[in-house]
All heavy atoms as atom14 arrays in JSON, in Angstrom:
{
  "sequence": "FWRYKGLAELRALGVSAVTLCLLQVLSGAAVVHTLYNERLYIFA",
  "atom14_mask": [
    [1, 1, 1, 1, 1, 1, 1, 1, 1, 1, 1, 0, 0, 0],
    [1, 1, 1, 1, 1, 1, 1, 1, 1, 1, 1, 1, 1, 1],
    [1, 1, 1, 1, 1, 1, 1, 1, 1, 1, 1, 0, 0, 0],
    [1, 1, 1, 1, 1, 1, 1, 1, 1, 1, 1, 1, 0, 0],
    [1, 1, 1, 1, 1, 1, 1, 1, 1, 0, 0, 0, 0, 0],
    [1, 1, 1, 1, 0, 0, 0, 0, 0, 0, 0, 0, 0, 0],
    [1, 1, 1, 1, 1, 1, 1, 1, 0, 0, 0, 0, 0, 0],
    [1, 1, 1, 1, 1, 0, 0, 0, 0, 0, 0, 0, 0, 0],
    [1, 1, 1, 1, 1, 1, 1, 1, 1, 0, 0, 0, 0, 0],
    [1, 1, 1, 1, 1, 1, 1, 1, 0, 0, 0, 0, 0, 0],
    [1, 1, 1, 1, 1, 1, 1, 1, 1, 1, 1, 0, 0, 0],
    [1, 1, 1, 1, 1, 0, 0, 0, 0, 0, 0, 0, 0, 0],
    [1, 1, 1, 1, 1, 1, 1, 1, 0, 0, 0, 0, 0, 0],
    [1, 1, 1, 1, 0, 0, 0, 0, 0, 0, 0, 0, 0, 0],
    [1, 1, 1, 1, 1, 1, 1, 0, 0, 0, 0, 0, 0, 0],
    [1, 1, 1, 1, 1, 1, 0, 0, 0, 0, 0, 0, 0, 0],
    [1, 1, 1, 1, 1, 0, 0, 0, 0, 0, 0, 0, 0, 0],
    [1, 1, 1, 1, 1, 1, 1, 0, 0, 0, 0, 0, 0, 0],
    [1, 1, 1, 1, 1, 1, 1, 0, 0, 0, 0, 0, 0, 0],
    [1, 1, 1, 1, 1, 1, 1, 1, 0, 0, 0, 0, 0, 0],
    [1, 1, 1, 1, 1, 1, 0, 0, 0, 0, 0, 0, 0, 0],
    [1, 1, 1, 1, 1, 1, 1, 1, 0, 0, 0, 0, 0, 0],
    [1, 1, 1, 1, 1, 1, 1, 1, 0, 0, 0, 0, 0, 0],
    [1, 1, 1, 1, 1, 1, 1, 1, 1, 0, 0, 0, 0, 0],
    [1, 1, 1, 1, 1, 1, 1, 0, 0, 0, 0, 0, 0, 0],
    [1, 1, 1, 1, 1, 1, 1, 1, 0, 0, 0, 0, 0, 0],
    [1, 1, 1, 1, 1, 1, 0, 0, 0, 0, 0, 0, 0, 0],
    [1, 1, 1, 1, 0, 0, 0, 0, 0, 0, 0, 0, 0, 0],
    [1, 1, 1, 1, 1, 0, 0, 0, 0, 0, 0, 0, 0, 0],
    [1, 1, 1, 1, 1, 0, 0, 0, 0, 0, 0, 0, 0, 0],
    [1, 1, 1, 1, 1, 1, 1, 0, 0, 0, 0, 0, 0, 0],
    [1, 1, 1, 1, 1, 1, 1, 0, 0, 0, 0, 0, 0, 0],
    [1, 1, 1, 1, 1, 1, 1, 1, 1, 1, 0, 0, 0, 0],
    [1, 1, 1, 1, 1, 1, 1, 0, 0, 0, 0, 0, 0, 0],
    [1, 1, 1, 1, 1, 1, 1, 1, 0, 0, 0, 0, 0, 0],
    [1, 1, 1, 1, 1, 1, 1, 1, 1, 1, 1, 1, 0, 0],
    [1, 1, 1, 1, 1, 1, 1, 1, 0, 0, 0, 0, 0, 0],
    [1, 1, 1, 1, 1, 1, 1, 1, 1, 0, 0, 0, 0, 0],
    [1, 1, 1, 1, 1, 1, 1, 1, 1, 1, 1, 0, 0, 0],
    [1, 1, 1, 1, 1, 1, 1, 1, 0, 0, 0, 0, 0, 0],
    [1, 1, 1, 1, 1, 1, 1, 1, 1, 1, 1, 1, 0, 0],
    [1, 1, 1, 1, 1, 1, 1, 1, 0, 0, 0, 0, 0, 0],
    [1, 1, 1, 1, 1, 1, 1, 1, 1, 1, 1, 0, 0, 0],
    [1, 1, 1, 1, 1, 0, 0, 0, 0, 0, 0, 0, 0, 0]
  ],
  "atom14_positions": [
    [[11.06, 15.13, 41.15], [11.12, 16.59, 41.21], [12.49, 17.1, 41.6], [12.99, 18.09, 41.03], [10.08, 17.12, 42.19], [9.9, 18.61, 42.14], [9.08, 19.18, 41.18], [10.56, 19.44, 43.03], [8.91, 20.56, 41.12], [10.41, 20.81, 42.98], [9.59, 21.38, 42.02], [0.0, 0.0, 0.0], [0.0, 0.0, 0.0], [0.0, 0.0, 0.0]],
    [[13.13, 16.45, 42.56], [14.4, 16.98, 43.09], [15.63, 16.37, 42.45], [16.69, 17.01, 42.4], [14.45, 16.77, 44.6], [13.41, 17.58, 45.32], [12.28, 17.11, 45.92], [13.39, 19.0, 45.48], [11.55, 18.14, 46.44], [12.21, 19.31, 46.2], [14.24, 20.03, 45.1], [11.88, 20.63, 46.52], [13.9, 21.33, 45.44], [12.74, 21.62, 46.14]],
    [[15.55, 15.15, 41.96], [16.74, 14.51, 41.38], [16.87, 14.81, 39.89], [17.99, 14.83, 39.37], [16.68, 13.0, 41.6], [17.89, 12.27, 41.05], [17.86, 10.79, 41.38], [18.03, 10.54, 42.81], [18.07, 9.32, 43.35], [17.91, 8.26, 42.57], [18.22, 9.18, 44.65], [0.0, 0.0, 0.0], [0.0, 0.0, 0.0], [0.0, 0.0, 0.0]],
    [[15.75, 15.04, 39.21], [15.8, 15.21, 37.75], [15.32, 16.6, 37.35], [14.34, 16.77, 36.62], [14.96, 14.12, 37.07], [15.49, 12.74, 37.37], [14.85, 11.92, 38.3], [16.66, 12.28, 36.78], [15.36, 10.66, 38.61], [17.17, 11.03, 37.08], [16.52, 10.23, 38.0], [17.04, 8.99, 38.3], [0.0, 0.0, 0.0], [0.0, 0.0, 0.0]],
    [[16.03, 17.6, 37.85], [15.67, 18.99, 37.58], [15.86, 19.36, 36.11], [15.27, 20.32, 35.64], [16.5, 19.93, 38.47], [16.2, 19.76, 39.95], [16.99, 20.74, 40.8], [16.64, 20.58, 42.27], [17.39, 21.54, 43.14], [0.0, 0.0, 0.0], [0.0, 0.0, 0.0], [0.0, 0.0, 0.0], [0.0, 0.0, 0.0], [0.0, 0.0, 0.0]],
    [[16.68, 18.59, 35.4], [16.9, 18.88, 33.98], [15.87, 18.25, 33.07], [15.91, 18.44, 31.85], [0.0, 0.0, 0.0], [0.0, 0.0, 0.0], [0.0, 0.0, 0.0], [0.0, 0.0, 0.0], [0.0, 0.0, 0.0], [0.0, 0.0, 0.0], [0.0, 0.0, 0.0], [0.0, 0.0, 0.0], [0.0, 0.0, 0.0], [0.0, 0.0, 0.0]],
    [[14.95, 17.48, 33.63], [13.92, 16.81, 32.84], [12.55, 17.35, 33.26], [11.89, 16.81, 34.15], [13.98, 15.29, 33.04], [15.26, 14.6, 32.54], [15.28, 13.14, 32.95], [15.39, 14.73, 31.02], [0.0, 0.0, 0.0], [0.0, 0.0, 0.0], [0.0, 0.0, 0.0], [0.0, 0.0, 0.0], [0.0, 0.0, 0.0], [0.0, 0.0, 0.0]],
    [[12.13, 18.42, 32.61], [10.89, 19.1, 32.99], [9.68, 18.18, 32.86], [8.77, 18.22, 33.7], [10.71, 20.34, 32.12], [0.0, 0.0, 0.0], [0.0, 0.0, 0.0], [0.0, 0.0, 0.0], [0.0, 0.0, 0.0], [0.0, 0.0, 0.0], [0.0, 0.0, 0.0], [0.0, 0.0, 0.0], [0.0, 0.0, 0.0], [0.0, 0.0, 0.0]],
    [[9.67, 17.35, 31.82], [8.54, 16.45, 31.62], [8.41, 15.47, 32.78], [7.32, 15.23, 33.3], [8.71, 15.7, 30.31], [7.54, 14.75, 30.02], [7.83, 13.81, 28.86], [9.01, 13.51, 28.61], [6.85, 13.38, 28.2], [0.0, 0.0, 0.0], [0.0, 0.0, 0.0], [0.0, 0.0, 0.0], [0.0, 0.0, 0.0], [0.0, 0.0, 0.0]],
    [[9.53, 14.9, 33.21], [9.52, 13.93, 34.29], [9.09, 14.58, 35.6], [8.33, 13.99, 36.39], [10.92, 13.31, 34.44], [10.99, 11.94, 35.1], [10.11, 10.93, 34.37], [12.44, 11.46, 35.13], [0.0, 0.0, 0.0], [0.0, 0.0, 0.0], [0.0, 0.0, 0.0], [0.0, 0.0, 0.0], [0.0, 0.0, 0.0], [0.0, 0.0, 0.0]],
    [[9.54, 15.8, 35.83], [9.14, 16.52, 37.05], [7.63, 16.79, 37.04], [6.96, 16.64, 38.06], [9.9, 17.85, 37.16], [11.4, 17.7, 37.3], [12.04, 19.06, 37.48], [12.03, 19.49, 38.88], [12.28, 20.73, 39.28], [12.52, 21.68, 38.39], [12.27, 21.03, 40.56], [0.0, 0.0, 0.0], [0.0, 0.0, 0.0], [0.0, 0.0, 0.0]],
    [[7.12, 17.19, 35.88], [5.69, 17.46, 35.77], [4.87, 16.2, 36.01], [3.82, 16.24, 36.67], [5.37, 18.04, 34.39], [0.0, 0.0, 0.0], [0.0, 0.0, 0.0], [0.0, 0.0, 0.0], [0.0, 0.0, 0.0], [0.0, 0.0, 0.0], [0.0, 0.0, 0.0], [0.0, 0.0, 0.0], [0.0, 0.0, 0.0], [0.0, 0.0, 0.0]],
    [[5.34, 15.08, 35.47], [4.64, 13.82, 35.69], [4.66, 13.43, 37.16], [3.65, 12.94, 37.7], [5.27, 12.72, 34.84], [5.03, 12.8, 33.34], [5.91, 11.8, 32.59], [3.56, 12.56, 33.0], [0.0, 0.0, 0.0], [0.0, 0.0, 0.0], [0.0, 0.0, 0.0], [0.0, 0.0, 0.0], [0.0, 0.0, 0.0], [0.0, 0.0, 0.0]],
    [[5.79, 13.65, 37.83], [5.9, 13.34, 39.25], [4.95, 14.17, 40.08], [4.26, 13.65, 40.98], [0.0, 0.0, 0.0], [0.0, 0.0, 0.0], [0.0, 0.0, 0.0], [0.0, 0.0, 0.0], [0.0, 0.0, 0.0], [0.0, 0.0, 0.0], [0.0, 0.0, 0.0], [0.0, 0.0, 0.0], [0.0, 0.0, 0.0], [0.0, 0.0, 0.0]],
    [[4.9, 15.47, 39.81], [3.99, 16.37, 40.54], [2.54, 15.98, 40.28], [1.7, 15.95, 41.2], [4.23, 17.84, 40.13], [3.14, 18.74, 40.7], [5.6, 18.3, 40.61], [0.0, 0.0, 0.0], [0.0, 0.0, 0.0], [0.0, 0.0, 0.0], [0.0, 0.0, 0.0], [0.0, 0.0, 0.0], [0.0, 0.0, 0.0], [0.0, 0.0, 0.0]],
    [[2.23, 15.65, 39.03], [0.86, 15.25, 38.68], [0.46, 13.98, 39.43], [-0.67, 13.87, 39.93], [0.75, 15.01, 37.17], [1.01, 16.19, 36.45], [0.0, 0.0, 0.0], [0.0, 0.0, 0.0], [0.0, 0.0, 0.0], [0.0, 0.0, 0.0], [0.0, 0.0, 0.0], [0.0, 0.0, 0.0], [0.0, 0.0, 0.0], [0.0, 0.0, 0.0]],
    [[1.38, 13.02, 39.5], [1.09, 11.75, 40.18], [0.81, 11.98, 41.66], [-0.16, 11.44, 42.22], [2.25, 10.78, 40.0], [0.0, 0.0, 0.0], [0.0, 0.0, 0.0], [0.0, 0.0, 0.0], [0.0, 0.0, 0.0], [0.0, 0.0, 0.0], [0.0, 0.0, 0.0], [0.0, 0.0, 0.0], [0.0, 0.0, 0.0], [0.0, 0.0, 0.0]],
    [[1.63, 12.79, 42.31], [1.44, 13.06, 43.75], [0.12, 13.8, 43.98], [-0.64, 13.47, 44.9], [2.62, 13.87, 44.31], [2.33, 14.29, 45.75], [3.9, 13.05, 44.26], [0.0, 0.0, 0.0], [0.0, 0.0, 0.0], [0.0, 0.0, 0.0], [0.0, 0.0, 0.0], [0.0, 0.0, 0.0], [0.0, 0.0, 0.0], [0.0, 0.0, 0.0]],
    [[-0.16, 14.79, 43.14], [-1.4, 15.56, 43.29], [-2.63, 14.68, 43.12], [-3.57, 14.72, 43.93], [-1.44, 16.71, 42.27], [-0.3, 17.54, 42.44], [-2.71, 17.53, 42.44], [0.0, 0.0, 0.0], [0.0, 0.0, 0.0], [0.0, 0.0, 0.0], [0.0, 0.0, 0.0], [0.0, 0.0, 0.0], [0.0, 0.0, 0.0], [0.0, 0.0, 0.0]],
    [[-2.63, 13.86, 42.07], [-3.76, 12.97, 41.83], [-3.93, 11.94, 42.94], [-5.06, 11.63, 43.35], [-3.58, 12.25, 40.48], [-3.77, 13.11, 39.24], [-3.28, 12.36, 38.0], [-5.24, 13.5, 39.07], [0.0, 0.0, 0.0], [0.0, 0.0, 0.0], [0.0, 0.0, 0.0], [0.0, 0.0, 0.0], [0.0, 0.0, 0.0], [0.0, 0.0, 0.0]],
    [[-2.81, 11.43, 43.46], [-2.88, 10.43, 44.52], [-3.41, 11.05, 45.81], [-4.22, 10.43, 46.53], [-1.5, 9.81, 44.75], [-1.56, 8.27, 45.7], [0.0, 0.0, 0.0], [0.0, 0.0, 0.0], [0.0, 0.0, 0.0], [0.0, 0.0, 0.0], [0.0, 0.0, 0.0], [0.0, 0.0, 0.0], [0.0, 0.0, 0.0], [0.0, 0.0, 0.0]],
    [[-2.98, 12.26, 46.13], [-3.48, 12.95, 47.32], [-4.98, 13.2, 47.21], [-5.75, 12.96, 48.16], [-2.73, 14.27, 47.52], [-3.18, 15.13, 48.71], [-3.03, 14.36, 50.02], [-2.39, 16.43, 48.76], [0.0, 0.0, 0.0], [0.0, 0.0, 0.0], [0.0, 0.0, 0.0], [0.0, 0.0, 0.0], [0.0, 0.0, 0.0], [0.0, 0.0, 0.0]],
    [[-5.41, 13.69, 46.04], [-6.83, 13.91, 45.82], [-7.61, 12.59, 45.87], [-8.76, 12.55, 46.33], [-7.06, 14.6, 44.47], [-6.56, 16.04, 44.37], [-6.72, 16.55, 42.93], [-7.33, 16.95, 45.34], [0.0, 0.0, 0.0], [0.0, 0.0, 0.0], [0.0, 0.0, 0.0], [0.0, 0.0, 0.0], [0.0, 0.0, 0.0], [0.0, 0.0, 0.0]],
    [[-6.98, 11.52, 45.43], [-7.59, 10.21, 45.48], [-7.84, 9.77, 46.92], [-8.91, 9.24, 47.26], [-6.69, 9.19, 44.75], [-7.09, 7.75, 44.88], [-8.38, 7.43, 44.15], [-8.92, 8.29, 43.46], [-8.86, 6.22, 44.28], [0.0, 0.0, 0.0], [0.0, 0.0, 0.0], [0.0, 0.0, 0.0], [0.0, 0.0, 0.0], [0.0, 0.0, 0.0]],
    [[-6.86, 10.02, 47.78], [-7.01, 9.68, 49.2], [-8.17, 10.49, 49.81], [-9.02, 9.95, 50.53], [-5.71, 9.96, 49.96], [-5.93, 9.83, 51.47], [-4.62, 8.99, 49.52], [0.0, 0.0, 0.0], [0.0, 0.0, 0.0], [0.0, 0.0, 0.0], [0.0, 0.0, 0.0], [0.0, 0.0, 0.0], [0.0, 0.0, 0.0], [0.0, 0.0, 0.0]],
    [[-8.21, 11.78, 49.51], [-9.26, 12.64, 50.05], [-10.64, 12.24, 49.52], [-11.64, 12.29, 50.26], [-8.96, 14.1, 49.71], [-7.7, 14.69, 50.34], [-7.46, 16.11, 49.85], [-7.79, 14.65, 51.87], [0.0, 0.0, 0.0], [0.0, 0.0, 0.0], [0.0, 0.0, 0.0], [0.0, 0.0, 0.0], [0.0, 0.0, 0.0], [0.0, 0.0, 0.0]],
    [[-10.69, 11.86, 48.25], [-11.97, 11.42, 47.7], [-12.43, 10.11, 48.33], [-13.63, 9.88, 48.51], [-11.87, 11.26, 46.18], [-11.05, 10.16, 45.82], [0.0, 0.0, 0.0], [0.0, 0.0, 0.0], [0.0, 0.0, 0.0], [0.0, 0.0, 0.0], [0.0, 0.0, 0.0], [0.0, 0.0, 0.0], [0.0, 0.0, 0.0], [0.0, 0.0, 0.0]],
    [[-11.46, 9.25, 48.71], [-11.8, 8.02, 49.42], [-12.43, 8.32, 50.77], [-13.41, 7.67, 51.18], [0.0, 0.0, 0.0], [0.0, 0.0, 0.0], [0.0, 0.0, 0.0], [0.0, 0.0, 0.0], [0.0, 0.0, 0.0], [0.0, 0.0, 0.0], [0.0, 0.0, 0.0], [0.0, 0.0, 0.0], [0.0, 0.0, 0.0], [0.0, 0.0, 0.0]],
    [[-11.87, 9.32, 51.46], [-12.46, 9.74, 52.74], [-13.87, 10.3, 52.51], [-14.79, 10.05, 53.29], [-11.57, 10.8, 53.4], [0.0, 0.0, 0.0], [0.0, 0.0, 0.0], [0.0, 0.0, 0.0], [0.0, 0.0, 0.0], [0.0, 0.0, 0.0], [0.0, 0.0, 0.0], [0.0, 0.0, 0.0], [0.0, 0.0, 0.0], [0.0, 0.0, 0.0]],
    [[-14.04, 11.06, 51.42], [-15.36, 11.63, 51.1], [-16.37, 10.53, 50.81], [-17.55, 10.65, 51.2], [-15.24, 12.57, 49.9], [0.0, 0.0, 0.0], [0.0, 0.0, 0.0], [0.0, 0.0, 0.0], [0.0, 0.0, 0.0], [0.0, 0.0, 0.0], [0.0, 0.0, 0.0], [0.0, 0.0, 0.0], [0.0, 0.0, 0.0], [0.0, 0.0, 0.0]],
    [[-15.94, 9.45, 50.16], [-16.83, 8.32, 49.88], [-17.36, 7.75, 51.19], [-18.56, 7.46, 51.33], [-16.1, 7.23, 49.07], [-16.9, 5.93, 49.07], [-15.87, 7.69, 47.65], [0.0, 0.0, 0.0], [0.0, 0.0, 0.0], [0.0, 0.0, 0.0], [0.0, 0.0, 0.0], [0.0, 0.0, 0.0], [0.0, 0.0, 0.0], [0.0, 0.0, 0.0]],
    [[-16.47, 7.59, 52.17], [-16.87, 7.02, 53.46], [-17.88, 7.94, 54.17], [-18.9, 7.48, 54.69], [-15.64, 6.8, 54.36], [-16.07, 6.35, 55.77], [-14.72, 5.77, 53.74], [0.0, 0.0, 0.0], [0.0, 0.0, 0.0], [0.0, 0.0, 0.0], [0.0, 0.0, 0.0], [0.0, 0.0, 0.0], [0.0, 0.0, 0.0], [0.0, 0.0, 0.0]],
    [[-17.61, 9.23, 54.18], [-18.43, 10.16, 54.94], [-19.75, 10.52, 54.25], [-20.63, 11.12, 54.88], [-17.64, 11.43, 55.24], [-16.53, 11.23, 56.22], [-16.76, 10.85, 57.54], [-15.18, 11.31, 56.11], [-15.61, 10.72, 58.18], [-14.63, 11.0, 57.33], [0.0, 0.0, 0.0], [0.0, 0.0, 0.0], [0.0, 0.0, 0.0], [0.0, 0.0, 0.0]],
    [[-19.88, 10.17, 52.96], [-21.13, 10.46, 52.25], [-21.88, 9.18, 51.89], [-22.84, 9.22, 51.12], [-20.86, 11.25, 50.95], [-20.02, 10.46, 50.08], [-20.16, 12.57, 51.25], [0.0, 0.0, 0.0], [0.0, 0.0, 0.0], [0.0, 0.0, 0.0], [0.0, 0.0, 0.0], [0.0, 0.0, 0.0], [0.0, 0.0, 0.0], [0.0, 0.0, 0.0]],
    [[-21.46, 8.07, 52.46], [-22.0, 6.76, 52.08], [-23.51, 6.69, 52.22], [-24.18, 6.04, 51.42], [-21.34, 5.67, 52.92], [-21.62, 4.22, 52.51], [-21.18, 3.96, 51.08], [-20.92, 3.25, 53.45], [0.0, 0.0, 0.0], [0.0, 0.0, 0.0], [0.0, 0.0, 0.0], [0.0, 0.0, 0.0], [0.0, 0.0, 0.0], [0.0, 0.0, 0.0]],
    [[-24.06, 7.36, 53.21], [-25.5, 7.29, 53.46], [-26.23, 8.57, 53.04], [-27.35, 8.82, 53.46], [-25.75, 6.97, 54.94], [-25.11, 5.67, 55.34], [-23.93, 5.65, 56.09], [-25.64, 4.45, 54.92], [-23.32, 4.45, 56.44], [-25.04, 3.25, 55.26], [-23.88, 3.26, 56.02], [-23.28, 2.06, 56.35], [0.0, 0.0, 0.0], [0.0, 0.0, 0.0]],
    [[-25.55, 9.34, 52.2], [-26.17, 10.52, 51.6], [-26.11, 10.34, 50.08], [-25.09, 10.62, 49.45], [-25.43, 11.79, 52.02], [-26.1, 13.06, 51.53], [-26.71, 13.08, 50.46], [-25.98, 14.12, 52.3], [0.0, 0.0, 0.0], [0.0, 0.0, 0.0], [0.0, 0.0, 0.0], [0.0, 0.0, 0.0], [0.0, 0.0, 0.0], [0.0, 0.0, 0.0]],
    [[-27.18, 9.85, 49.5], [-27.16, 9.43, 48.09], [-26.77, 10.56, 47.15], [-26.06, 10.34, 46.17], [-28.54, 8.89, 47.69], [-28.89, 7.56, 48.36], [-30.2, 7.0, 47.86], [-30.8, 7.62, 46.95], [-30.63, 5.95, 48.37], [0.0, 0.0, 0.0], [0.0, 0.0, 0.0], [0.0, 0.0, 0.0], [0.0, 0.0, 0.0], [0.0, 0.0, 0.0]],
    [[-27.21, 11.77, 47.43], [-26.93, 12.88, 46.52], [-25.45, 13.23, 46.49], [-24.9, 13.55, 45.42], [-27.73, 14.11, 46.96], [-29.23, 13.95, 46.77], [-29.97, 15.23, 47.12], [-31.4, 15.09, 46.91], [-32.28, 16.06, 47.11], [-31.85, 17.25, 47.55], [-33.56, 15.87, 46.9], [0.0, 0.0, 0.0], [0.0, 0.0, 0.0], [0.0, 0.0, 0.0]],
    [[-24.79, 13.17, 47.64], [-23.37, 13.5, 47.69], [-22.5, 12.3, 47.37], [-21.42, 12.45, 46.79], [-23.0, 14.05, 49.08], [-23.65, 15.38, 49.47], [-23.22, 15.77, 50.88], [-23.27, 16.47, 48.48], [0.0, 0.0, 0.0], [0.0, 0.0, 0.0], [0.0, 0.0, 0.0], [0.0, 0.0, 0.0], [0.0, 0.0, 0.0], [0.0, 0.0, 0.0]],
    [[-22.96, 11.12, 47.73], [-22.15, 9.91, 47.54], [-21.79, 9.67, 46.08], [-20.66, 9.32, 45.75], [-22.89, 8.69, 48.1], [-22.21, 7.38, 47.76], [-21.04, 6.99, 48.4], [-22.73, 6.54, 46.76], [-20.41, 5.8, 48.06], [-22.11, 5.36, 46.43], [-20.95, 5.0, 47.08], [-20.32, 3.82, 46.74], [0.0, 0.0, 0.0], [0.0, 0.0, 0.0]],
    [[-22.75, 9.88, 45.2], [-22.5, 9.6, 43.78], [-21.37, 10.47, 43.24], [-20.53, 10.0, 42.47], [-23.79, 9.8, 42.95], [-23.57, 9.38, 41.5], [-24.28, 11.23, 43.02], [-23.36, 7.91, 41.31], [0.0, 0.0, 0.0], [0.0, 0.0, 0.0], [0.0, 0.0, 0.0], [0.0, 0.0, 0.0], [0.0, 0.0, 0.0], [0.0, 0.0, 0.0]],
    [[-21.3, 11.73, 43.69], [-20.23, 12.62, 43.22], [-18.88, 12.2, 43.8], [-17.87, 12.2, 43.1], [-20.55, 14.06, 43.6], [-21.72, 14.63, 42.87], [-22.94, 14.8, 43.51], [-21.63, 14.98, 41.53], [-24.04, 15.31, 42.83], [-22.72, 15.5, 40.85], [-23.93, 15.66, 41.5], [0.0, 0.0, 0.0], [0.0, 0.0, 0.0], [0.0, 0.0, 0.0]],
    [[-18.87, 11.84, 45.09], [-17.63, 11.4, 45.72], [-17.12, 10.11, 45.09], [-15.92, 9.96, 44.82], [-17.84, 11.21, 47.22], [0.0, 0.0, 0.0], [0.0, 0.0, 0.0], [0.0, 0.0, 0.0], [0.0, 0.0, 0.0], [0.0, 0.0, 0.0], [0.0, 0.0, 0.0], [0.0, 0.0, 0.0], [0.0, 0.0, 0.0], [0.0, 0.0, 0.0]]
  ]
}
């Protein structure tokens, strides 16, 4: 994002990767906290 300001595609891919990875971490936490709740666990 900061080094390749002239490459919009690369910046977009970088932002997408960080966003997906952050959501992935949060979904991992959701898996742990819904482990014994079958209805919520499947979605997490």
